[in-house]
């Protein structure tokens, strides 16, 4: 599909391709946590009860948010925030973009979820976060 428009008065009509319609996808996300993949790669596996998981995987296992768009909390790896702390991972709760949180390796996941401001009511493991 294309549109016919006149670029200037007296100019010939020109066919301009019409833009495709925007599509949306619904999610159940209540919170979105962004984790710097570069920091995470540098720190490696230093999170979780046995300190054998990356921060992203540890948060997902701890919060048990669900999968994909049906999850209540999304934990997503992003390229880099250009703030590179030593021995820690930069994170941001997308609901609070004015505050970046530095998570040191080996940090307690209860404290991590509190510092990120994750809504306790959205997690399935209510007993662990109470």
N, C-alpha and C. Protein backbone atom coordinates (compact mmCIF):
# COMPACT_ATOMS: atom_id res chain seq x y z
N UNK A 1 0.84 -1.16 0.00
CA UNK A 1 0.00 0.00 0.00
C UNK A 1 0.90 1.24 0.00
N UNK A 2 0.52 2.25 -0.75
CA UNK A 2 1.31 3.47 -0.78
C UNK A 2 0.37 4.68 -0.78
N UNK A 3 0.93 5.81 -0.42
CA UNK A 3 0.17 7.06 -0.38
C UNK A 3 0.69 7.97 -1.50
N UNK A 4 -0.20 8.73 -2.10
CA UNK A 4 0.21 9.71 -3.10
C UNK A 4 0.22 11.07 -2.43
N UNK A 5 1.38 11.73 -2.42
CA UNK A 5 1.46 13.05 -1.80
C UNK A 5 2.16 14.01 -2.77
N UNK A 6 1.92 15.30 -2.59
CA UNK A 6 2.58 16.34 -3.36
C UNK A 6 3.60 16.98 -2.44
N UNK A 7 4.89 16.92 -2.77
CA UNK A 7 5.95 17.43 -1.93
C UNK A 7 5.99 18.95 -1.90
N UNK A 8 5.69 19.62 -3.00
CA UNK A 8 5.69 21.08 -3.05
C UNK A 8 4.62 21.52 -4.03
N UNK A 9 4.20 22.75 -3.89
CA UNK A 9 3.16 23.26 -4.78
C UNK A 9 3.71 23.27 -6.20
N UNK A 10 2.96 22.73 -7.12
CA UNK A 10 3.36 22.66 -8.51
C UNK A 10 4.19 21.43 -8.83
N UNK A 11 4.64 20.69 -7.82
CA UNK A 11 5.44 19.48 -8.05
C UNK A 11 4.53 18.32 -8.39
N UNK A 12 5.11 17.33 -9.00
CA UNK A 12 4.34 16.15 -9.37
C UNK A 12 4.00 15.34 -8.12
N UNK A 13 2.98 14.54 -8.22
CA UNK A 13 2.60 13.65 -7.13
C UNK A 13 3.62 12.52 -7.03
N UNK A 14 3.95 12.14 -5.83
CA UNK A 14 4.94 11.09 -5.59
C UNK A 14 4.29 10.00 -4.76
N UNK A 15 4.59 8.75 -5.10
CA UNK A 15 4.11 7.62 -4.31
C UNK A 15 5.08 7.36 -3.17
N UNK A 16 4.57 7.37 -1.95
CA UNK A 16 5.37 7.10 -0.76
C UNK A 16 4.80 5.85 -0.10
N UNK A 17 5.65 4.86 0.18
CA UNK A 17 5.12 3.65 0.82
C UNK A 17 4.53 3.97 2.19
N UNK A 18 3.36 3.42 2.46
CA UNK A 18 2.71 3.63 3.76
C UNK A 18 3.44 2.81 4.82
N UNK A 19 3.47 3.33 6.04
CA UNK A 19 4.12 2.62 7.13
C UNK A 19 3.25 1.45 7.59
N UNK A 20 3.90 0.41 8.03
CA UNK A 20 3.18 -0.75 8.54
C UNK A 20 2.49 -0.37 9.84
N UNK A 21 1.38 -1.01 10.10
CA UNK A 21 0.64 -0.76 11.34
C UNK A 21 1.45 -1.29 12.53
N UNK A 22 1.39 -0.57 13.64
CA UNK A 22 2.06 -1.02 14.85
C UNK A 22 1.28 -2.17 15.47
N UNK A 23 2.02 -3.11 16.03
CA UNK A 23 1.40 -4.23 16.73
C UNK A 23 1.86 -4.19 18.18
N UNK A 24 1.06 -4.71 19.06
CA UNK A 24 1.42 -4.77 20.47
C UNK A 24 1.30 -6.21 20.95
N UNK A 25 1.97 -6.47 22.05
CA UNK A 25 1.87 -7.77 22.71
C UNK A 25 1.63 -7.52 24.19
N UNK A 26 0.67 -8.17 24.75
CA UNK A 26 0.33 -7.98 26.16
C UNK A 26 1.24 -8.83 27.03
N UNK A 27 1.56 -8.29 28.20
CA UNK A 27 2.34 -9.05 29.18
C UNK A 27 1.68 -8.91 30.55
N UNK A 28 2.11 -9.76 31.46
CA UNK A 28 1.64 -9.67 32.85
C UNK A 28 2.71 -9.07 33.75
N UNK A 29 3.75 -8.52 33.14
CA UNK A 29 4.86 -7.98 33.91
C UNK A 29 4.42 -6.85 34.81
N UNK A 30 4.81 -6.94 36.08
CA UNK A 30 4.58 -5.86 37.04
C UNK A 30 5.89 -5.12 37.32
N UNK A 31 7.00 -5.83 37.17
CA UNK A 31 8.33 -5.25 37.32
C UNK A 31 9.23 -5.81 36.24
N UNK A 32 10.19 -4.98 35.81
CA UNK A 32 11.20 -5.41 34.85
C UNK A 32 12.56 -5.04 35.43
N UNK A 33 13.40 -6.04 35.64
CA UNK A 33 14.74 -5.82 36.18
C UNK A 33 15.73 -5.99 35.04
N UNK A 34 16.56 -4.96 34.83
CA UNK A 34 17.58 -5.00 33.79
C UNK A 34 18.92 -5.30 34.45
N UNK A 35 19.62 -6.31 33.94
CA UNK A 35 20.90 -6.74 34.49
C UNK A 35 21.96 -6.55 33.42
N UNK A 36 23.05 -5.89 33.77
CA UNK A 36 24.15 -5.65 32.83
C UNK A 36 24.84 -6.98 32.52
N UNK A 37 24.81 -7.38 31.25
CA UNK A 37 25.40 -8.67 30.89
C UNK A 37 26.93 -8.62 30.91
N UNK A 38 27.51 -7.44 30.67
CA UNK A 38 28.97 -7.32 30.70
C UNK A 38 29.49 -7.50 32.13
N UNK A 39 28.85 -6.83 33.11
CA UNK A 39 29.23 -7.00 34.52
C UNK A 39 29.02 -8.44 34.95
N UNK A 40 27.89 -9.00 34.53
CA UNK A 40 27.55 -10.36 34.91
C UNK A 40 28.59 -11.35 34.39
N UNK A 41 29.06 -11.09 33.18
CA UNK A 41 30.09 -11.97 32.60
C UNK A 41 31.41 -11.85 33.35
N UNK A 42 31.76 -10.62 33.76
CA UNK A 42 33.01 -10.41 34.50
C UNK A 42 32.96 -11.07 35.87
N UNK A 43 31.83 -10.93 36.57
CA UNK A 43 31.68 -11.51 37.91
C UNK A 43 31.53 -13.02 37.81
N UNK A 44 30.79 -13.47 36.82
CA UNK A 44 30.56 -14.91 36.63
C UNK A 44 29.53 -15.43 37.62
N UNK A 45 29.75 -16.65 38.05
CA UNK A 45 28.80 -17.29 38.95
C UNK A 45 29.20 -16.98 40.38
N UNK A 46 28.43 -16.10 41.01
CA UNK A 46 28.74 -15.74 42.39
C UNK A 46 27.49 -15.44 43.18
N UNK A 47 26.34 -15.93 42.68
CA UNK A 47 25.07 -15.61 43.31
C UNK A 47 24.29 -16.89 43.59
N UNK A 48 23.29 -16.77 44.43
CA UNK A 48 22.47 -17.92 44.80
C UNK A 48 22.96 -18.53 46.09
N UNK A 49 22.23 -19.52 46.61
CA UNK A 49 22.59 -20.13 47.88
C UNK A 49 23.98 -20.78 47.87
N UNK A 50 24.35 -21.38 46.75
CA UNK A 50 25.66 -22.04 46.65
C UNK A 50 26.67 -21.19 45.89
N UNK A 51 26.28 -19.97 45.55
CA UNK A 51 27.10 -19.05 44.77
C UNK A 51 27.60 -19.70 43.48
N UNK A 52 26.70 -20.43 42.81
CA UNK A 52 27.07 -21.10 41.56
C UNK A 52 26.20 -20.65 40.39
N UNK A 53 25.51 -19.49 40.54
CA UNK A 53 24.62 -18.99 39.50
C UNK A 53 24.96 -17.55 39.15
N UNK A 54 24.61 -17.15 37.92
CA UNK A 54 24.72 -15.74 37.56
C UNK A 54 23.58 -15.00 38.26
N UNK A 55 23.68 -13.67 38.35
CA UNK A 55 22.65 -12.89 39.03
C UNK A 55 21.29 -13.07 38.37
N UNK A 56 21.25 -13.04 37.06
CA UNK A 56 19.98 -13.18 36.34
C UNK A 56 19.32 -14.52 36.67
N UNK A 57 20.08 -15.58 36.59
CA UNK A 57 19.53 -16.91 36.86
C UNK A 57 19.14 -17.06 38.33
N UNK A 58 19.95 -16.52 39.24
CA UNK A 58 19.64 -16.61 40.67
C UNK A 58 18.35 -15.86 40.98
N UNK A 59 18.17 -14.67 40.41
CA UNK A 59 16.93 -13.91 40.65
C UNK A 59 15.73 -14.66 40.11
N UNK A 60 15.87 -15.23 38.94
CA UNK A 60 14.74 -15.97 38.35
C UNK A 60 14.38 -17.18 39.20
N UNK A 61 15.38 -17.89 39.69
CA UNK A 61 15.10 -19.08 40.52
C UNK A 61 14.53 -18.68 41.88
N UNK A 62 15.02 -17.58 42.41
CA UNK A 62 14.57 -17.14 43.73
C UNK A 62 13.15 -16.59 43.68
N UNK A 63 12.87 -15.73 42.70
CA UNK A 63 11.57 -15.08 42.62
C UNK A 63 10.50 -15.96 41.99
N UNK A 64 10.92 -16.92 41.17
CA UNK A 64 10.00 -17.78 40.43
C UNK A 64 8.89 -16.96 39.78
N UNK A 65 9.24 -16.06 38.88
CA UNK A 65 8.25 -15.15 38.31
C UNK A 65 7.34 -15.75 37.26
N UNK A 66 7.65 -16.91 36.73
CA UNK A 66 6.92 -17.48 35.60
C UNK A 66 7.80 -17.40 34.37
N UNK A 67 7.22 -17.66 33.21
CA UNK A 67 8.03 -17.67 31.99
C UNK A 67 7.47 -16.70 30.96
N UNK A 68 8.39 -16.06 30.26
CA UNK A 68 8.03 -15.21 29.13
C UNK A 68 7.11 -14.06 29.48
N UNK A 69 6.13 -13.83 28.60
CA UNK A 69 5.19 -12.72 28.79
C UNK A 69 4.19 -12.99 29.91
N UNK A 70 4.07 -14.24 30.33
CA UNK A 70 3.13 -14.56 31.41
C UNK A 70 3.75 -14.40 32.79
N UNK A 71 5.02 -14.09 32.83
CA UNK A 71 5.70 -13.89 34.11
C UNK A 71 5.22 -12.61 34.77
N UNK A 72 5.32 -12.55 36.08
CA UNK A 72 4.94 -11.34 36.81
C UNK A 72 6.13 -10.39 36.93
N UNK A 73 7.34 -10.93 36.88
CA UNK A 73 8.56 -10.12 36.91
C UNK A 73 9.44 -10.60 35.78
N UNK A 74 9.96 -9.66 34.99
CA UNK A 74 10.89 -10.00 33.92
C UNK A 74 12.30 -9.62 34.38
N UNK A 75 13.23 -10.55 34.25
CA UNK A 75 14.64 -10.28 34.54
C UNK A 75 15.36 -10.40 33.20
N UNK A 76 15.82 -9.27 32.68
CA UNK A 76 16.39 -9.22 31.34
C UNK A 76 17.84 -8.77 31.37
N UNK A 77 18.66 -9.40 30.57
CA UNK A 77 20.06 -8.99 30.42
C UNK A 77 20.13 -7.93 29.33
N UNK A 78 20.83 -6.85 29.59
CA UNK A 78 21.04 -5.79 28.61
C UNK A 78 22.53 -5.63 28.38
N UNK A 79 22.92 -4.94 27.32
CA UNK A 79 24.33 -4.83 26.94
C UNK A 79 25.21 -4.27 28.06
N UNK A 80 25.18 -2.96 28.28
CA UNK A 80 26.06 -2.37 29.28
C UNK A 80 25.51 -1.01 29.69
N UNK A 81 25.63 -0.69 30.97
CA UNK A 81 25.20 0.62 31.48
C UNK A 81 26.36 1.61 31.50
N UNK A 82 27.55 1.17 31.09
CA UNK A 82 28.77 1.99 31.10
C UNK A 82 29.15 2.47 32.50
N UNK A 83 28.77 1.73 33.50
CA UNK A 83 29.22 1.93 34.88
C UNK A 83 29.68 0.54 35.30
N UNK A 84 30.98 0.38 35.42
CA UNK A 84 31.51 -0.97 35.63
C UNK A 84 32.15 -1.10 37.01
N UNK A 85 31.39 -1.55 38.02
CA UNK A 85 31.96 -1.74 39.35
C UNK A 85 32.80 -3.01 39.39
N UNK A 86 33.78 -3.05 40.26
CA UNK A 86 34.61 -4.24 40.40
C UNK A 86 33.92 -5.24 41.32
N UNK A 87 33.82 -6.47 40.87
CA UNK A 87 33.25 -7.54 41.68
C UNK A 87 31.77 -7.38 41.96
N UNK A 88 31.05 -6.68 41.08
CA UNK A 88 29.62 -6.45 41.28
C UNK A 88 28.92 -6.34 39.93
N UNK A 89 27.59 -6.36 39.96
CA UNK A 89 26.77 -6.28 38.76
C UNK A 89 25.83 -5.09 38.87
N UNK A 90 25.75 -4.28 37.81
CA UNK A 90 24.82 -3.14 37.78
C UNK A 90 23.44 -3.64 37.38
N UNK A 91 22.43 -3.16 38.11
CA UNK A 91 21.04 -3.51 37.80
C UNK A 91 20.17 -2.27 37.89
N UNK A 92 19.02 -2.34 37.24
CA UNK A 92 18.04 -1.25 37.28
C UNK A 92 16.66 -1.88 37.29
N UNK A 93 15.80 -1.39 38.18
CA UNK A 93 14.38 -1.73 38.10
C UNK A 93 13.79 -0.70 37.15
N UNK A 94 13.20 -1.14 36.05
CA UNK A 94 12.70 -0.23 35.03
C UNK A 94 11.60 0.69 35.56
N UNK A 95 10.96 0.32 36.66
CA UNK A 95 9.95 1.19 37.26
C UNK A 95 10.61 2.37 37.98
N UNK A 96 11.90 2.22 38.30
CA UNK A 96 12.65 3.29 38.98
C UNK A 96 13.96 3.55 38.23
N UNK A 97 13.87 4.14 37.03
CA UNK A 97 15.07 4.31 36.21
C UNK A 97 16.06 5.34 36.75
N UNK A 98 15.67 6.11 37.76
CA UNK A 98 16.57 7.11 38.32
C UNK A 98 17.55 6.51 39.33
N UNK A 99 17.44 5.22 39.61
CA UNK A 99 18.29 4.58 40.61
C UNK A 99 18.89 3.29 40.06
N UNK A 100 20.21 3.31 39.86
CA UNK A 100 20.92 2.10 39.47
C UNK A 100 21.45 1.44 40.74
N UNK A 101 21.36 0.13 40.83
CA UNK A 101 21.76 -0.58 42.04
C UNK A 101 22.97 -1.47 41.72
N UNK A 102 24.02 -1.31 42.52
CA UNK A 102 25.21 -2.14 42.38
C UNK A 102 25.04 -3.35 43.30
N UNK A 103 25.03 -4.54 42.71
CA UNK A 103 24.84 -5.77 43.48
C UNK A 103 26.19 -6.49 43.59
N UNK A 104 26.80 -6.52 44.77
CA UNK A 104 28.08 -7.22 44.92
C UNK A 104 27.91 -8.73 44.82
N UNK A 105 28.94 -9.41 44.35
CA UNK A 105 28.90 -10.87 44.24
C UNK A 105 28.64 -11.46 45.62
N UNK A 106 27.81 -12.49 45.67
CA UNK A 106 27.51 -13.17 46.92
C UNK A 106 26.43 -12.50 47.75
N UNK A 107 25.79 -11.45 47.22
CA UNK A 107 24.75 -10.74 47.97
C UNK A 107 23.55 -11.63 48.23
N UNK A 108 22.91 -11.44 49.38
CA UNK A 108 21.72 -12.18 49.76
C UNK A 108 20.57 -11.78 48.84
N UNK A 109 19.86 -12.75 48.29
CA UNK A 109 18.80 -12.46 47.32
C UNK A 109 17.60 -11.74 47.93
N UNK A 110 17.36 -11.92 49.22
CA UNK A 110 16.28 -11.17 49.88
C UNK A 110 16.62 -9.69 49.87
N UNK A 111 17.87 -9.38 50.20
CA UNK A 111 18.32 -7.99 50.20
C UNK A 111 18.34 -7.42 48.79
N UNK A 112 18.73 -8.24 47.82
CA UNK A 112 18.74 -7.78 46.43
C UNK A 112 17.34 -7.38 45.98
N UNK A 113 16.36 -8.23 46.27
CA UNK A 113 14.99 -7.91 45.86
C UNK A 113 14.47 -6.67 46.59
N UNK A 114 14.86 -6.48 47.85
CA UNK A 114 14.47 -5.26 48.58
C UNK A 114 15.12 -4.03 47.97
N UNK A 115 16.41 -4.10 47.68
CA UNK A 115 17.12 -2.96 47.11
C UNK A 115 16.59 -2.58 45.73
N UNK A 116 16.15 -3.58 44.96
CA UNK A 116 15.59 -3.32 43.64
C UNK A 116 14.15 -2.82 43.72
N UNK A 117 13.56 -2.90 44.91
CA UNK A 117 12.19 -2.42 45.08
C UNK A 117 11.16 -3.31 44.44
N UNK A 118 11.45 -4.61 44.39
CA UNK A 118 10.49 -5.53 43.79
C UNK A 118 9.29 -5.68 44.70
N UNK A 119 8.13 -5.66 44.09
CA UNK A 119 6.88 -5.76 44.84
C UNK A 119 6.75 -7.16 45.39
N UNK A 120 6.70 -7.26 46.70
CA UNK A 120 6.64 -8.58 47.34
C UNK A 120 5.38 -9.34 47.00
N UNK A 121 4.31 -8.64 46.69
CA UNK A 121 3.05 -9.32 46.38
C UNK A 121 3.08 -10.02 45.04
N UNK A 122 4.01 -9.65 44.15
CA UNK A 122 4.03 -10.25 42.82
C UNK A 122 4.80 -11.56 42.77
N UNK A 123 5.57 -11.86 43.79
CA UNK A 123 6.38 -13.07 43.74
C UNK A 123 5.58 -14.28 44.21
N UNK A 124 5.88 -15.41 43.64
CA UNK A 124 5.18 -16.64 44.01
C UNK A 124 5.69 -17.22 45.32
N UNK A 125 6.91 -16.88 45.68
CA UNK A 125 7.51 -17.43 46.91
C UNK A 125 7.23 -16.47 48.07
N UNK A 126 5.99 -16.30 48.39
CA UNK A 126 5.61 -15.34 49.43
C UNK A 126 6.23 -15.68 50.78
N UNK A 127 6.40 -16.96 51.06
CA UNK A 127 6.96 -17.35 52.35
C UNK A 127 8.39 -16.89 52.54
N UNK A 128 9.19 -16.86 51.45
CA UNK A 128 10.58 -16.47 51.58
C UNK A 128 10.77 -14.96 51.64
N UNK A 129 9.81 -14.21 51.12
CA UNK A 129 9.95 -12.77 51.09
C UNK A 129 9.17 -12.07 52.18
N UNK A 130 8.50 -12.80 53.03
CA UNK A 130 7.66 -12.17 54.05
C UNK A 130 8.47 -11.47 55.11
